[in-house]
Amino acid sequence: MRTSKTTVWLSILVVLLAIMAAGAGLLWRSPGEPFAFTTLRDQAVQIYNQGVYRYDTLFIGAGCGL
């Protein structure tokens, strides 16, 4: 079975775009300070507000929670 040139080039394009998306997610830094947020269960939590974990709590952003 032969693979077409179009399939090979599209596969390479998908890989390159995936690398760019992953790199942007890991390296894009947004300035910000942690801020308080009230959850739907009326609990106050601190939101990390930086990088990939921008909208996660400090506990989840540190990798301690599941």
PDB file of N, CA and C in Angstrom:
ATOM      1  N   MET A   1       0.846  -1.175   0.000  1.00  0.00           N
ATOM      2  CA  MET A   1       0.000   0.000   0.000  1.00  0.00           C
ATOM      3  C   MET A   1       0.890   1.237   0.000  1.00  0.00           C
ATOM      4  N   ARG A   2       0.648   2.140  -0.916  1.00  0.00           N
ATOM      5  CA  ARG A   2       1.417   3.378  -1.011  1.00  0.00           C
ATOM      6  C   ARG A   2       0.692   4.505  -0.296  1.00  0.00           C
ATOM      7  N   THR A   3       1.473   5.352   0.353  1.00  0.00           N
ATOM      8  CA  THR A   3       0.888   6.549   0.947  1.00  0.00           C
ATOM      9  C   THR A   3       1.078   7.698  -0.027  1.00  0.00           C
ATOM     10  N   SER A   4       0.086   8.510  -0.153  1.00  0.00           N
ATOM     11  CA  SER A   4       0.168   9.619  -1.099  1.00  0.00           C
ATOM     12  C   SER A   4       1.000  10.757  -0.517  1.00  0.00           C
ATOM     13  N   LYS A   5       1.523  11.585  -1.395  1.00  0.00           N
ATOM     14  CA  LYS A   5       2.319  12.732  -0.959  1.00  0.00           C
ATOM     15  C   LYS A   5       1.460  13.705  -0.158  1.00  0.00           C
ATOM     16  N   THR A   6       0.211  13.808  -0.527  1.00  0.00           N
ATOM     17  CA  THR A   6      -0.698  14.702   0.194  1.00  0.00           C
ATOM     18  C   THR A   6      -0.856  14.261   1.646  1.00  0.00           C
ATOM     19  N   THR A   7      -0.984  12.972   1.860  1.00  0.00           N
ATOM     20  CA  THR A   7      -1.128  12.445   3.221  1.00  0.00           C
ATOM     21  C   THR A   7       0.123  12.729   4.043  1.00  0.00           C
ATOM     22  N   VAL A   8       1.276  12.555   3.452  1.00  0.00           N
ATOM     23  CA  VAL A   8       2.535  12.806   4.157  1.00  0.00           C
ATOM     24  C   VAL A   8       2.650  14.282   4.519  1.00  0.00           C
ATOM     25  N   TRP A   9       2.387  15.173   3.576  1.00  0.00           N
ATOM     26  CA  TRP A   9       2.498  16.603   3.839  1.00  0.00           C
ATOM     27  C   TRP A   9       1.463  17.088   4.847  1.00  0.00           C
ATOM     28  N   LEU A  10       0.268  16.572   4.785  1.00  0.00           N
ATOM     29  CA  LEU A  10      -0.740  16.955   5.773  1.00  0.00           C
ATOM     30  C   LEU A  10      -0.372  16.452   7.168  1.00  0.00           C
ATOM     31  N   SER A  11       0.217  15.274   7.232  1.00  0.00           N
ATOM     32  CA  SER A  11       0.664  14.740   8.525  1.00  0.00           C
ATOM     33  C   SER A  11       1.769  15.605   9.108  1.00  0.00           C
ATOM     34  N   ILE A  12       2.701  16.026   8.272  1.00  0.00           N
ATOM     35  CA  ILE A  12       3.783  16.900   8.734  1.00  0.00           C
ATOM     36  C   ILE A  12       3.212  18.226   9.207  1.00  0.00           C
ATOM     37  N   LEU A  13       2.246  18.768   8.473  1.00  0.00           N
ATOM     38  CA  LEU A  13       1.613  20.020   8.866  1.00  0.00           C
ATOM     39  C   LEU A  13       0.914  19.892  10.221  1.00  0.00           C
ATOM     40  N   VAL A  14       0.216  18.796  10.431  1.00  0.00           N
ATOM     41  CA  VAL A  14      -0.475  18.574  11.709  1.00  0.00           C
ATOM     42  C   VAL A  14       0.532  18.492  12.854  1.00  0.00           C
ATOM     43  N   VAL A  15       1.637  17.807  12.647  1.00  0.00           N
ATOM     44  CA  VAL A  15       2.675  17.686  13.685  1.00  0.00           C
ATOM     45  C   VAL A  15       3.256  19.059  14.008  1.00  0.00           C
ATOM     46  N   LEU A  16       3.565  19.843  12.993  1.00  0.00           N
ATOM     47  CA  LEU A  16       4.133  21.177  13.225  1.00  0.00           C
ATOM     48  C   LEU A  16       3.149  22.087  13.958  1.00  0.00           C
ATOM     49  N   LEU A  17       1.895  22.048  13.577  1.00  0.00           N
ATOM     50  CA  LEU A  17       0.896  22.861  14.273  1.00  0.00           C
ATOM     51  C   LEU A  17       0.696  22.405  15.713  1.00  0.00           C
ATOM     52  N   ALA A  18       0.762  21.110  15.960  1.00  0.00           N
ATOM     53  CA  ALA A  18       0.639  20.597  17.326  1.00  0.00           C
ATOM     54  C   ALA A  18       1.821  21.043  18.185  1.00  0.00           C
ATOM     55  N   ILE A  19       3.013  21.042  17.608  1.00  0.00           N
ATOM     56  CA  ILE A  19       4.200  21.508  18.340  1.00  0.00           C
ATOM     57  C   ILE A  19       4.073  22.990  18.665  1.00  0.00           C
ATOM     58  N   MET A  20       3.582  23.767  17.706  1.00  0.00           N
ATOM     59  CA  MET A  20       3.397  25.204  17.948  1.00  0.00           C
ATOM     60  C   MET A  20       2.357  25.449  19.046  1.00  0.00           C
ATOM     61  N   ALA A  21       1.270  24.713  19.024  1.00  0.00           N
ATOM     62  CA  ALA A  21       0.226  24.889  20.045  1.00  0.00           C
ATOM     63  C   ALA A  21       0.739  24.491  21.425  1.00  0.00           C
ATOM     64  N   ALA A  22       1.470  23.391  21.501  1.00  0.00           N
ATOM     65  CA  ALA A  22       2.019  22.954  22.789  1.00  0.00           C
ATOM     66  C   ALA A  22       3.040  23.957  23.307  1.00  0.00           C
ATOM     67  N   GLY A  23       3.883  24.451  22.424  1.00  0.00           N
ATOM     68  CA  GLY A  23       4.887  25.438  22.822  1.00  0.00           C
ATOM     69  C   GLY A  23       4.252  26.718  23.324  1.00  0.00           C
ATOM     70  N   ALA A  24       3.212  27.178  22.649  1.00  0.00           N
ATOM     71  CA  ALA A  24       2.524  28.391  23.092  1.00  0.00           C
ATOM     72  C   ALA A  24       1.897  28.184  24.460  1.00  0.00           C
ATOM     73  N   GLY A  25       1.308  27.021  24.682  1.00  0.00           N
ATOM     74  CA  GLY A  25       0.686  26.739  25.971  1.00  0.00           C
ATOM     75  C   GLY A  25       1.689  26.662  27.103  1.00  0.00           C
ATOM     76  N   LEU A  26       2.876  26.164  26.817  1.00  0.00           N
ATOM     77  CA  LEU A  26       3.890  26.026  27.858  1.00  0.00           C
ATOM     78  C   LEU A  26       4.691  27.303  28.093  1.00  0.00           C
ATOM     79  N   LEU A  27       4.921  28.068  27.044  1.00  0.00           N
ATOM     80  CA  LEU A  27       5.836  29.201  27.157  1.00  0.00           C
ATOM     81  C   LEU A  27       5.162  30.561  27.261  1.00  0.00           C
ATOM     82  N   TRP A  28       3.896  30.655  26.915  1.00  0.00           N
ATOM     83  CA  TRP A  28       3.210  31.932  26.946  1.00  0.00           C
ATOM     84  C   TRP A  28       2.910  32.305  28.387  1.00  0.00           C
ATOM     85  N   ARG A  29       3.535  33.341  28.834  1.00  0.00           N
ATOM     86  CA  ARG A  29       3.331  33.797  30.218  1.00  0.00           C
ATOM     87  C   ARG A  29       2.428  35.014  30.215  1.00  0.00           C
ATOM     88  N   SER A  30       1.446  34.975  31.052  1.00  0.00           N
ATOM     89  CA  SER A  30       0.583  36.137  31.201  1.00  0.00           C
ATOM     90  C   SER A  30       0.828  36.734  32.584  1.00  0.00           C
ATOM     91  N   PRO A  31       0.958  38.036  32.645  1.00  0.00           N
ATOM     92  CA  PRO A  31       1.170  38.637  33.957  1.00  0.00           C
ATOM     93  C   PRO A  31      -0.097  38.524  34.790  1.00  0.00           C
ATOM     94  N   GLY A  32       0.080  38.374  36.046  1.00  0.00           N
ATOM     95  CA  GLY A  32      -1.099  38.299  36.902  1.00  0.00           C
ATOM     96  C   GLY A  32      -0.748  37.859  38.296  1.00  0.00           C
ATOM     97  N   GLU A  33      -1.584  38.226  39.192  1.00  0.00           N
ATOM     98  CA  GLU A  33      -1.444  37.855  40.592  1.00  0.00           C
ATOM     99  C   GLU A  33      -2.585  36.913  40.953  1.00  0.00           C
ATOM    100  N   PRO A  34      -2.372  36.030  41.916  1.00  0.00           N
ATOM    101  CA  PRO A  34      -3.483  35.194  42.384  1.00  0.00           C
ATOM    102  C   PRO A  34      -4.625  36.071  42.904  1.00  0.00           C
ATOM    103  N   PHE A  35      -5.851  35.612  42.692  1.00  0.00           N
ATOM    104  CA  PHE A  35      -7.001  36.377  43.161  1.00  0.00           C
ATOM    105  C   PHE A  35      -8.020  35.438  43.781  1.00  0.00           C
ATOM    106  N   ALA A  36      -8.842  36.001  44.641  1.00  0.00           N
ATOM    107  CA  ALA A  36      -9.866  35.221  45.336  1.00  0.00           C
ATOM    108  C   ALA A  36     -11.068  35.016  44.424  1.00  0.00           C
ATOM    109  N   PHE A  37     -11.686  33.843  44.530  1.00  0.00           N
ATOM    110  CA  PHE A  37     -12.851  33.499  43.732  1.00  0.00           C
ATOM    111  C   PHE A  37     -13.779  32.672  44.593  1.00  0.00           C
ATOM    112  N   THR A  38     -15.067  32.897  44.476  1.00  0.00           N
ATOM    113  CA  THR A  38     -16.061  32.114  45.222  1.00  0.00           C
ATOM    114  C   THR A  38     -16.669  31.078  44.291  1.00  0.00           C
ATOM    115  N   THR A  39     -16.602  29.804  44.682  1.00  0.00           N
ATOM    116  CA  THR A  39     -17.105  28.717  43.853  1.00  0.00           C
ATOM    117  C   THR A  39     -18.618  28.614  43.936  1.00  0.00           C
ATOM    118  N   LEU A  40     -19.184  27.729  43.135  1.00  0.00           N
ATOM    119  CA  LEU A  40     -20.628  27.505  43.163  1.00  0.00           C
ATOM    120  C   LEU A  40     -21.083  26.930  44.497  1.00  0.00           C
ATOM    121  N   ARG A  41     -20.173  26.305  45.215  1.00  0.00           N
ATOM    122  CA  ARG A  41     -20.489  25.753  46.547  1.00  0.00           C
ATOM    123  C   ARG A  41     -20.208  26.754  47.651  1.00  0.00           C
ATOM    124  N   ASP A  42     -20.029  28.024  47.276  1.00  0.00           N
ATOM    125  CA  ASP A  42     -19.811  29.125  48.210  1.00  0.00           C
ATOM    126  C   ASP A  42     -18.535  28.961  49.030  1.00  0.00           C
ATOM    127  N   GLN A  43     -17.479  28.452  48.378  1.00  0.00           N
ATOM    128  CA  GLN A  43     -16.177  28.336  49.022  1.00  0.00           C
ATOM    129  C   GLN A  43     -15.235  29.349  48.391  1.00  0.00           C
ATOM    130  N   ALA A  44     -14.423  29.994  49.208  1.00  0.00           N
ATOM    131  CA  ALA A  44     -13.443  30.947  48.695  1.00  0.00           C
ATOM    132  C   ALA A  44     -12.156  30.198  48.348  1.00  0.00           C
ATOM    133  N   VAL A  45     -11.671  30.386  47.127  1.00  0.00           N
ATOM    134  CA  VAL A  45     -10.413  29.761  46.690  1.00  0.00           C
ATOM    135  C   VAL A  45      -9.542  30.819  46.053  1.00  0.00           C
ATOM    136  N   GLN A  46      -8.241  30.567  46.011  1.00  0.00           N
ATOM    137  CA  GLN A  46      -7.295  31.433  45.316  1.00  0.00           C
ATOM    138  C   GLN A  46      -7.064  30.867  43.920  1.00  0.00           C
ATOM    139  N   ILE A  47      -7.161  31.702  42.906  1.00  0.00           N
ATOM    140  CA  ILE A  47      -6.915  31.300  41.525  1.00  0.00           C
ATOM    141  C   ILE A  47      -5.477  31.669  41.179  1.00  0.00           C
ATOM    142  N   TYR A  48      -4.754  30.739  40.587  1.00  0.00           N
ATOM    143  CA  TYR A  48      -3.330  30.877  40.310  1.00  0.00           C
ATOM    144  C   TYR A  48      -3.034  32.032  39.355  1.00  0.00           C
ATOM    145  N   ASN A  49      -3.734  32.115  38.223  1.00  0.00           N
ATOM    146  CA  ASN A  49      -3.672  33.228  37.272  1.00  0.00           C
ATOM    147  C   ASN A  49      -2.312  33.420  36.603  1.00  0.00           C
ATOM    148  N   GLN A  50      -1.678  32.330  36.150  1.00  0.00           N
ATOM    149  CA  GLN A  50      -0.446  32.477  35.385  1.00  0.00           C
ATOM    150  C   GLN A  50      -0.206  31.227  34.559  1.00  0.00           C
ATOM    151  N   GLY A  51       0.171  31.399  33.313  1.00  0.00           N
ATOM    152  CA  GLY A  51       0.550  30.297  32.445  1.00  0.00           C
ATOM    153  C   GLY A  51      -0.580  29.337  32.136  1.00  0.00           C
ATOM    154  N   VAL A  52      -0.231  28.063  32.026  1.00  0.00           N
ATOM    155  CA  VAL A  52      -1.189  27.028  31.674  1.00  0.00           C
ATOM    156  C   VAL A  52      -2.272  26.883  32.743  1.00  0.00           C
ATOM    157  N   TYR A  53      -1.913  27.121  33.991  1.00  0.00           N
ATOM    158  CA  TYR A  53      -2.843  26.928  35.112  1.00  0.00           C
ATOM    159  C   TYR A  53      -3.552  28.211  35.500  1.00  0.00           C
ATOM    160  N   ARG A  54      -3.792  29.097  34.554  1.00  0.00           N
ATOM    161  CA  ARG A  54      -4.342  30.420  34.825  1.00  0.00           C
ATOM    162  C   ARG A  54      -5.635  30.380  35.618  1.00  0.00           C
ATOM    163  N   TYR A  55      -6.514  29.435  35.330  1.00  0.00           N
ATOM    164  CA  TYR A  55      -7.829  29.415  35.987  1.00  0.00           C
ATOM    165  C   TYR A  55      -7.965  28.272  36.989  1.00  0.00           C
ATOM    166  N   ASP A  56      -6.870  27.697  37.417  1.00  0.00           N
ATOM    167  CA  ASP A  56      -6.910  26.639  38.428  1.00  0.00           C
ATOM    168  C   ASP A  56      -6.599  27.220  39.797  1.00  0.00           C
ATOM    169  N   THR A  57      -7.054  26.527  40.828  1.00  0.00           N
ATOM    170  CA  THR A  57      -6.733  26.971  42.178  1.00  0.00           C
ATOM    171  C   THR A  57      -5.254  26.720  42.447  1.00  0.00           C
ATOM    172  N   LEU A  58      -4.721  27.360  43.488  1.00  0.00           N
ATOM    173  CA  LEU A  58      -3.314  27.151  43.843  1.00  0.00           C
ATOM    174  C   LEU A  58      -3.046  25.691  44.147  1.00  0.00           C
ATOM    175  N   PHE A  59      -4.001  25.023  44.767  1.00  0.00           N
ATOM    176  CA  PHE A  59      -3.843  23.613  45.127  1.00  0.00           C
ATOM    177  C   PHE A  59      -3.708  22.740  43.880  1.00  0.00           C
ATOM    178  N   ILE A  60      -4.568  22.939  42.889  1.00  0.00           N
ATOM    179  CA  ILE A  60      -4.522  22.157  41.659  1.00  0.00           C
ATOM    180  C   ILE A  60      -3.313  22.575  40.820  1.00  0.00           C
ATOM    181  N   GLY A  61      -3.031  23.858  40.752  1.00  0.00           N
ATOM    182  CA  GLY A  61      -1.903  24.353  39.964  1.00  0.00           C
ATOM    183  C   GLY A  61      -0.570  23.811  40.449  1.00  0.00           C
ATOM    184  N   ALA A  62      -0.461  23.536  41.724  1.00  0.00           N
ATOM    185  CA  ALA A  62       0.777  22.973  42.273  1.00  0.00           C
ATOM    186  C   ALA A  62       0.885  21.465  42.022  1.00  0.00           C
ATOM    187  N   GLY A  63      -0.153  20.869  41.518  1.00  0.00           N
ATOM    188  CA  GLY A  63      -0.112  19.435  41.211  1.00  0.00           C
ATOM    189  C   GLY A  63      -0.469  18.542  42.369  1.00  0.00           C
ATOM    190  N   CYS A  64      -1.068  19.112  43.398  1.00  0.00           N
ATOM    191  CA  CYS A  64      -1.385  18.314  44.589  1.00  0.00           C
ATOM    192  C   CYS A  64      -2.762  17.702  44.557  1.00  0.00           C
ATOM    193  N   GLY A  65      -3.626  18.155  43.673  1.00  0.00           N
ATOM    194  CA  GLY A  65      -4.999  17.661  43.662  1.00  0.00           C
ATOM    195  C   GLY A  65      -5.307  16.841  42.418  1.00  0.00           C
ATOM    196  N   LEU A  66      -6.388  16.094  42.500  1.00  0.00           N
ATOM    197  CA  LEU A  66      -6.826  15.293  41.361  1.00  0.00           C
ATOM    198  C   LEU A  66      -8.182  15.754  40.893  1.00  0.00           C
TER     199      LEU A  66
END
